[in-house]
Every structure is written in C-alpha cells, then in structure tokens.
Amino acid sequence: MDISADAIAVLALLIGLELVLGVDNILVIAILVSRLPAEKQNSARMFGLLLALGIRIVMVCLAVFLIKLQNPIWPHLDDGENAGAFLKFLAHISPKDLILMAGGLFLLWKAVKEIHHTVEKSGDHEHGPKGKSIYSAVIVQIVLLDIIFSVDSVITAVGLTDQMWIIVTAVLVSFAGIITFAKPIGDFILANPALKILALSFLVTIGVTIFLEGMHHKLEKAYIYLPMGFALAIELLQMRYQHNSKKRKTN
C-alpha cells in the first residue's frame, strides 16, 4: 500500500468527487422513500444504501470491465465520408452511453412524475397488500440509480489511480457521509413542500445532464451546481423570512 503525498492528494480528490455525487444520491433517496409510510422510510433508506455500497465496491473490483464499457458498440457504422451524421453518432455510442441515457431519462421521468404528485397531492402513501412490493421497488430504484450515478465516477476514479485501496476508501467515506446526512436532509426537504419541489427541479436538471453526457455533450458541473446552490440559498432565506414574520406576529 503506497501512502505517499500523491496518494493522499488523489484520495482527497476522489472523496470530494464522491461527496458531490452524494448530493445527487441524497436528493434521489429523499424523493423515493417519501412514497413509503413514515415507519418504513428509514429502513428502506438504509437497506437500499447498504446494497448500493456493496454493488459500488463490486464495480470498483470489476474496474477493468467497466473501462471496456467505454468502447463503441457499433464502430463499423462509421465508414468515413459515406456515413451520415446519425450513423457517425451511433458509431461512437458505447454501453456506458446507453446506461447514462437510460438513467437520465428514468430520473427525468421520475422527477416530473413526483412534481405532479406533489403539486396535485394525488396518490398518497401506499398501504395494504401493495405495501411490500412498493417497498421492494423503492430499494431497487435506489440501487439502480446509484449504479447509474456510479458508472462515470468509478471509471473516472480508475483513470486517476490504479490503487484499489484509494478508490474503496473514497467510496466508504462518501457513503458514511450519505448515510449520516440522508435522513436529516431528506426529512427537512419533505417537511417543506417548496424545498421538495426545488429538489425535484434539481433532479430534472441532473436527469437532463446525465442524458446529455450519454449523448457526448459534456457539461461543466460548476454551471449546474452553482445555480442550484444559489436557488437553494434564496429559498432558505425566504423560509427564514417567513419564520421571522410568523414569530413577530405571535409576539
């Protein structure tokens, strides 16, 4: 195990990247578990996260296979000048791109559906015979979306270092942060409808971004997260203002 200054620097960088990814995870998890009864939300959150952690570590161990996912599926379609624009595009599509496009579309659909549910207040928590199947579906969705989020980050991590202990440590540290903050942040978002709609709007943006990455349109993360942070700050200031106004009226 090489614990040099360079290794520590790479570890710190990977932890930072994983924590940024963790923000997306926390938002998704908060929305997914919100459709469950309150007494089942925490267990679904923890069980889904632990499964996702195990799968993420397996993905790191299969890093060589994941790197191959970047290879085009149909490179023969690009036969030079005779190939049209669409065929040239297909010739550069890889399994990783298909995963990102499918994941982006699913996240976009899920976010729009939840915005409609929140605004129209339709379809409350499911109980009765369907409860168990919905619980399982939420866990499966948590795991699948984490895999979609992880594909690019694991490939990036493998490109930065070939020392597995660094990547695994970064994954474990980031998941510790997600597990610690997923419940309080999720509960806070769900307790404030305006924040929930804002979080869902963020997920729409993230879904579009993931889809565009699959289409080979790379977007700078700063252009996405800075406006998100600004919108969140404005909403928190508005909530603070309303809280102080109510407090003054009662006094």
Foldseek 3Di string as FASTA:
>chain_A
DDPDPLLVVLLVVLLVVLLVLLVLLLLLLLLLLQLAPPVCSLVLSVVLLVVLLVVLLVCLVVLVVLLQQQQQPALVLCPDPVHDPVSNLNNRFGNLLVLLQVLLVVLLVSLVVSLCCLVVVPDHHDDDPCNVVSSVVSSVVSNSNSVNSSSVSSNVSCVSDVDSVSNSVSSVVSSVVSSVCSVVVSVVCVVDSVSSNLSSVLSNVVSVQSNVVSSVPHDDVCVNVVVSVVVVVVVVVVVVVVVVVVVVVVD
